[in-house]
Amino acid sequence: MSMKTLAAFAATIALALPAMASAGSTNNDVIVDGTSGTETRSMTVSLADLNLARAGDVRRADYRLIRASKKVCGFVNGSVIPVTDDYRNCYGAAIDGARSDLTALTQRLG
């Protein structure tokens, strides 16, 4: 490989890197974090299949975030265990953070 070819290749890579980085930043995922006691759990919720400019899709996204918030805080469907203050605190913080991220995402995309 000649020096001219190598220089051209390096220039092409240098120009392509910012475009690749910005393509990765259009990620439509929200990370839901829940802390219960001393344990913190996280879950990634993909919203890539939704058009967040549409109200119906934003409601779908919110529903996914609600389910994920419950899950990271230890809620199990059909559970007969009473809901504790620890769960309520965990869920409240998790859904508030997730909804804040969803709002920022809809504003950025909208």
N, C-alpha and C. Protein backbone atom coordinates (compact mmCIF):
# COMPACT_ATOMS: atom_id res chain seq x y z
N MET A 1 0.86 -1.17 0.00
CA MET A 1 0.00 0.00 0.00
C MET A 1 0.90 1.23 0.00
N SER A 2 0.64 2.14 -0.93
CA SER A 2 1.48 3.35 -1.02
C SER A 2 1.10 4.34 0.07
N MET A 3 1.96 5.31 0.29
CA MET A 3 1.71 6.33 1.31
C MET A 3 0.49 7.16 0.95
N LYS A 4 0.27 7.42 -0.35
CA LYS A 4 -0.91 8.19 -0.77
C LYS A 4 -2.19 7.42 -0.45
N THR A 5 -2.19 6.13 -0.72
CA THR A 5 -3.35 5.31 -0.44
C THR A 5 -3.61 5.24 1.07
N LEU A 6 -2.56 5.07 1.83
CA LEU A 6 -2.69 5.01 3.28
C LEU A 6 -3.21 6.34 3.83
N ALA A 7 -2.72 7.45 3.32
CA ALA A 7 -3.19 8.77 3.77
C ALA A 7 -4.65 8.97 3.41
N ALA A 8 -5.04 8.55 2.23
CA ALA A 8 -6.44 8.68 1.80
C ALA A 8 -7.35 7.82 2.68
N PHE A 9 -6.89 6.62 3.00
CA PHE A 9 -7.65 5.72 3.85
C PHE A 9 -7.82 6.32 5.26
N ALA A 10 -6.74 6.87 5.80
CA ALA A 10 -6.78 7.48 7.13
C ALA A 10 -7.72 8.69 7.13
N ALA A 11 -7.69 9.49 6.09
CA ALA A 11 -8.58 10.65 6.00
C ALA A 11 -10.04 10.21 5.92
N THR A 12 -10.31 9.16 5.17
CA THR A 12 -11.67 8.64 5.06
C THR A 12 -12.18 8.17 6.40
N ILE A 13 -11.37 7.44 7.14
CA ILE A 13 -11.75 6.96 8.47
C ILE A 13 -11.99 8.14 9.41
N ALA A 14 -11.12 9.13 9.37
CA ALA A 14 -11.25 10.30 10.25
C ALA A 14 -12.55 11.05 9.97
N LEU A 15 -12.94 11.13 8.71
CA LEU A 15 -14.19 11.81 8.36
C LEU A 15 -15.42 10.96 8.71
N ALA A 16 -15.28 9.66 8.67
CA ALA A 16 -16.42 8.78 8.93
C ALA A 16 -16.71 8.61 10.41
N LEU A 17 -15.71 8.74 11.27
CA LEU A 17 -15.91 8.51 12.71
C LEU A 17 -16.97 9.41 13.33
N PRO A 18 -16.98 10.73 13.09
CA PRO A 18 -18.04 11.54 13.69
C PRO A 18 -19.43 11.14 13.23
N ALA A 19 -19.56 10.75 11.97
CA ALA A 19 -20.87 10.32 11.47
C ALA A 19 -21.30 9.03 12.14
N MET A 20 -20.36 8.12 12.38
CA MET A 20 -20.69 6.87 13.05
C MET A 20 -21.08 7.13 14.50
N ALA A 21 -20.42 8.06 15.16
CA ALA A 21 -20.73 8.38 16.55
C ALA A 21 -22.10 9.01 16.66
N SER A 22 -22.44 9.92 15.74
CA SER A 22 -23.75 10.55 15.82
C SER A 22 -24.85 9.57 15.46
N ALA A 23 -24.55 8.59 14.61
CA ALA A 23 -25.55 7.57 14.30
C ALA A 23 -25.86 6.75 15.54
N GLY A 24 -24.86 6.51 16.37
CA GLY A 24 -25.08 5.76 17.59
C GLY A 24 -25.82 6.57 18.64
N SER A 25 -25.78 7.90 18.56
CA SER A 25 -26.42 8.72 19.57
C SER A 25 -27.92 8.88 19.34
N THR A 26 -28.44 8.37 18.26
CA THR A 26 -29.87 8.43 18.01
C THR A 26 -30.56 7.22 18.60
N ASN A 27 -29.96 6.64 19.59
CA ASN A 27 -30.48 5.47 20.27
C ASN A 27 -31.79 5.80 20.96
N ASN A 28 -32.81 5.01 20.72
CA ASN A 28 -34.11 5.23 21.32
C ASN A 28 -34.36 4.26 22.46
N ASP A 29 -33.40 4.12 23.34
CA ASP A 29 -33.54 3.26 24.51
C ASP A 29 -33.60 4.13 25.76
N VAL A 30 -34.35 3.64 26.74
CA VAL A 30 -34.38 4.29 28.05
C VAL A 30 -33.93 3.24 29.06
N ILE A 31 -33.03 3.63 29.93
CA ILE A 31 -32.55 2.73 30.98
C ILE A 31 -33.33 3.04 32.25
N VAL A 32 -33.98 2.02 32.79
CA VAL A 32 -34.76 2.15 34.01
C VAL A 32 -33.94 1.57 35.15
N ASP A 33 -33.70 2.40 36.18
CA ASP A 33 -32.95 1.97 37.36
C ASP A 33 -33.88 1.95 38.56
N GLY A 34 -33.78 0.89 39.35
CA GLY A 34 -34.56 0.80 40.57
C GLY A 34 -33.68 0.35 41.72
N THR A 35 -33.75 1.08 42.84
CA THR A 35 -32.97 0.72 44.02
C THR A 35 -33.91 0.30 45.12
N SER A 36 -33.76 -0.94 45.52
CA SER A 36 -34.57 -1.50 46.60
C SER A 36 -33.60 -1.98 47.68
N GLY A 37 -33.66 -1.34 48.84
CA GLY A 37 -32.68 -1.66 49.88
C GLY A 37 -31.30 -1.23 49.43
N THR A 38 -30.38 -2.16 49.39
CA THR A 38 -29.02 -1.85 48.94
C THR A 38 -28.77 -2.35 47.52
N GLU A 39 -29.78 -2.92 46.91
CA GLU A 39 -29.62 -3.50 45.57
C GLU A 39 -30.19 -2.57 44.51
N THR A 40 -29.41 -2.33 43.47
CA THR A 40 -29.87 -1.54 42.33
C THR A 40 -29.93 -2.44 41.11
N ARG A 41 -31.06 -2.41 40.44
CA ARG A 41 -31.24 -3.17 39.21
C ARG A 41 -31.51 -2.20 38.07
N SER A 42 -31.06 -2.57 36.90
CA SER A 42 -31.28 -1.75 35.70
C SER A 42 -31.85 -2.61 34.60
N MET A 43 -32.62 -1.95 33.74
CA MET A 43 -33.23 -2.64 32.61
C MET A 43 -33.29 -1.64 31.44
N THR A 44 -32.91 -2.09 30.28
CA THR A 44 -32.98 -1.26 29.09
C THR A 44 -34.31 -1.51 28.38
N VAL A 45 -35.03 -0.43 28.11
CA VAL A 45 -36.32 -0.52 27.42
C VAL A 45 -36.13 0.08 26.03
N SER A 46 -36.31 -0.74 25.02
CA SER A 46 -36.15 -0.27 23.65
C SER A 46 -37.44 0.42 23.18
N LEU A 47 -37.26 1.58 22.60
CA LEU A 47 -38.38 2.33 22.03
C LEU A 47 -38.16 2.53 20.53
N ALA A 48 -37.22 1.79 19.98
CA ALA A 48 -36.82 1.97 18.58
C ALA A 48 -37.95 1.73 17.60
N ASP A 49 -38.91 0.88 17.98
CA ASP A 49 -40.01 0.57 17.07
C ASP A 49 -41.15 1.58 17.15
N LEU A 50 -41.00 2.60 18.01
CA LEU A 50 -42.07 3.57 18.20
C LEU A 50 -41.73 4.91 17.55
N ASN A 51 -42.75 5.62 17.10
CA ASN A 51 -42.60 6.97 16.58
C ASN A 51 -43.02 7.92 17.70
N LEU A 52 -42.04 8.47 18.41
CA LEU A 52 -42.33 9.28 19.58
C LEU A 52 -42.91 10.65 19.26
N ALA A 53 -43.18 10.92 18.00
CA ALA A 53 -43.89 12.13 17.61
C ALA A 53 -45.40 11.89 17.67
N ARG A 54 -45.80 10.64 17.81
CA ARG A 54 -47.23 10.28 17.90
C ARG A 54 -47.63 10.02 19.34
N ALA A 55 -48.73 10.60 19.77
CA ALA A 55 -49.19 10.47 21.15
C ALA A 55 -49.44 9.01 21.53
N GLY A 56 -49.99 8.23 20.62
CA GLY A 56 -50.26 6.82 20.91
C GLY A 56 -48.99 6.04 21.19
N ASP A 57 -47.95 6.33 20.45
CA ASP A 57 -46.67 5.64 20.66
C ASP A 57 -45.99 6.10 21.95
N VAL A 58 -46.19 7.36 22.33
CA VAL A 58 -45.65 7.84 23.60
C VAL A 58 -46.35 7.12 24.75
N ARG A 59 -47.66 6.89 24.62
CA ARG A 59 -48.39 6.13 25.65
C ARG A 59 -47.87 4.70 25.72
N ARG A 60 -47.58 4.09 24.58
CA ARG A 60 -47.00 2.74 24.57
C ARG A 60 -45.65 2.72 25.27
N ALA A 61 -44.85 3.74 24.98
CA ALA A 61 -43.53 3.84 25.61
C ALA A 61 -43.68 3.97 27.13
N ASP A 62 -44.63 4.79 27.56
CA ASP A 62 -44.86 4.97 29.00
C ASP A 62 -45.28 3.66 29.64
N TYR A 63 -46.13 2.91 28.97
CA TYR A 63 -46.56 1.61 29.50
C TYR A 63 -45.37 0.67 29.67
N ARG A 64 -44.47 0.67 28.70
CA ARG A 64 -43.27 -0.17 28.80
C ARG A 64 -42.41 0.26 29.99
N LEU A 65 -42.32 1.57 30.20
CA LEU A 65 -41.52 2.08 31.31
C LEU A 65 -42.16 1.72 32.66
N ILE A 66 -43.48 1.75 32.72
CA ILE A 66 -44.17 1.34 33.94
C ILE A 66 -43.86 -0.12 34.26
N ARG A 67 -43.98 -0.98 33.26
CA ARG A 67 -43.70 -2.41 33.47
C ARG A 67 -42.25 -2.63 33.90
N ALA A 68 -41.32 -1.94 33.25
CA ALA A 68 -39.90 -2.09 33.58
C ALA A 68 -39.62 -1.57 34.99
N SER A 69 -40.24 -0.46 35.36
CA SER A 69 -40.04 0.09 36.70
C SER A 69 -40.52 -0.88 37.76
N LYS A 70 -41.66 -1.49 37.52
CA LYS A 70 -42.17 -2.50 38.46
C LYS A 70 -41.20 -3.68 38.56
N LYS A 71 -40.71 -4.10 37.42
CA LYS A 71 -39.84 -5.28 37.39
C LYS A 71 -38.51 -5.04 38.12
N VAL A 72 -37.87 -3.89 37.87
CA VAL A 72 -36.59 -3.63 38.52
C VAL A 72 -36.74 -3.45 40.03
N CYS A 73 -37.95 -3.14 40.47
CA CYS A 73 -38.20 -2.95 41.91
C CYS A 73 -38.70 -4.22 42.58
N GLY A 74 -38.82 -5.31 41.82
CA GLY A 74 -39.15 -6.60 42.41
C GLY A 74 -40.59 -7.01 42.35
N PHE A 75 -41.45 -6.27 41.65
CA PHE A 75 -42.85 -6.66 41.54
C PHE A 75 -42.97 -7.90 40.68
N VAL A 76 -43.78 -8.83 41.12
CA VAL A 76 -44.03 -10.06 40.37
C VAL A 76 -45.53 -10.15 40.13
N ASN A 77 -45.94 -10.34 38.89
CA ASN A 77 -47.36 -10.48 38.58
C ASN A 77 -47.96 -11.63 39.36
N GLY A 78 -49.13 -11.39 39.92
CA GLY A 78 -49.82 -12.44 40.66
C GLY A 78 -49.31 -12.62 42.07
N SER A 79 -48.41 -11.75 42.49
CA SER A 79 -47.82 -11.86 43.82
C SER A 79 -48.86 -11.53 44.89
N VAL A 80 -48.86 -12.30 45.96
CA VAL A 80 -49.75 -12.03 47.09
C VAL A 80 -49.01 -11.30 48.21
N ILE A 81 -47.75 -10.98 47.96
CA ILE A 81 -46.95 -10.26 48.95
C ILE A 81 -47.41 -8.80 48.95
N PRO A 82 -47.70 -8.23 50.13
CA PRO A 82 -48.13 -6.83 50.17
C PRO A 82 -47.05 -5.88 49.69
N VAL A 83 -47.46 -4.79 49.09
CA VAL A 83 -46.53 -3.77 48.60
C VAL A 83 -45.96 -3.04 49.81
N THR A 84 -44.65 -2.90 49.86
CA THR A 84 -43.97 -2.26 50.99
C THR A 84 -43.62 -0.81 50.65
N ASP A 85 -43.23 -0.05 51.67
CA ASP A 85 -42.76 1.32 51.45
C ASP A 85 -41.49 1.32 50.62
N ASP A 86 -40.63 0.32 50.83
CA ASP A 86 -39.40 0.21 50.05
C ASP A 86 -39.73 0.06 48.56
N TYR A 87 -40.72 -0.78 48.26
CA TYR A 87 -41.15 -0.95 46.86
C TYR A 87 -41.70 0.35 46.32
N ARG A 88 -42.56 1.01 47.07
CA ARG A 88 -43.16 2.27 46.61
C ARG A 88 -42.08 3.32 46.32
N ASN A 89 -41.10 3.42 47.20
CA ASN A 89 -40.01 4.38 46.99
C ASN A 89 -39.19 4.03 45.76
N CYS A 90 -38.89 2.75 45.62
CA CYS A 90 -38.13 2.28 44.47
C CYS A 90 -38.89 2.57 43.17
N TYR A 91 -40.17 2.19 43.14
CA TYR A 91 -40.98 2.38 41.94
C TYR A 91 -41.12 3.86 41.61
N GLY A 92 -41.37 4.68 42.61
CA GLY A 92 -41.53 6.12 42.37
C GLY A 92 -40.29 6.73 41.75
N ALA A 93 -39.14 6.41 42.30
CA ALA A 93 -37.89 6.94 41.75
C ALA A 93 -37.61 6.40 40.35
N ALA A 94 -37.88 5.10 40.15
CA ALA A 94 -37.61 4.48 38.85
C ALA A 94 -38.49 5.08 37.76
N ILE A 95 -39.79 5.20 38.02
CA ILE A 95 -40.69 5.71 36.98
C ILE A 95 -40.46 7.20 36.74
N ASP A 96 -40.14 7.95 37.79
CA ASP A 96 -39.84 9.38 37.60
C ASP A 96 -38.62 9.58 36.71
N GLY A 97 -37.56 8.82 36.97
CA GLY A 97 -36.35 8.92 36.16
C GLY A 97 -36.59 8.48 34.72
N ALA A 98 -37.34 7.40 34.56
CA ALA A 98 -37.62 6.89 33.21
C ALA A 98 -38.49 7.87 32.42
N ARG A 99 -39.48 8.44 33.08
CA ARG A 99 -40.35 9.41 32.39
C ARG A 99 -39.60 10.68 32.05
N SER A 100 -38.68 11.07 32.89
CA SER A 100 -37.85 12.24 32.59
C SER A 100 -37.01 11.97 31.33
N ASP A 101 -36.43 10.77 31.24
CA ASP A 101 -35.65 10.40 30.06
C ASP A 101 -36.54 10.33 28.82
N LEU A 102 -37.76 9.82 28.97
CA LEU A 102 -38.69 9.74 27.85
C LEU A 102 -39.05 11.14 27.36
N THR A 103 -39.30 12.05 28.29
CA THR A 103 -39.62 13.44 27.91
C THR A 103 -38.46 14.06 27.14
N ALA A 104 -37.26 13.87 27.63
CA ALA A 104 -36.08 14.42 26.94
C ALA A 104 -35.95 13.82 25.55
N LEU A 105 -36.21 12.53 25.43
CA LEU A 105 -36.11 11.85 24.14
C LEU A 105 -37.16 12.35 23.17
N THR A 106 -38.40 12.52 23.62
CA THR A 106 -39.46 13.02 22.73
C THR A 106 -39.20 14.44 22.29
N GLN A 107 -38.62 15.26 23.17
CA GLN A 107 -38.30 16.64 22.80
C GLN A 107 -37.16 16.67 21.79
N ARG A 108 -36.19 15.79 21.97
CA ARG A 108 -35.05 15.75 21.04
C ARG A 108 -35.48 15.26 19.67
N LEU A 109 -36.41 14.29 19.64
CA LEU A 109 -36.83 13.71 18.36
C LEU A 109 -37.98 14.50 17.73
N GLY A 110 -38.72 15.21 18.54
CA GLY A 110 -39.91 15.89 18.05
C GLY A 110 -39.65 17.20 17.49
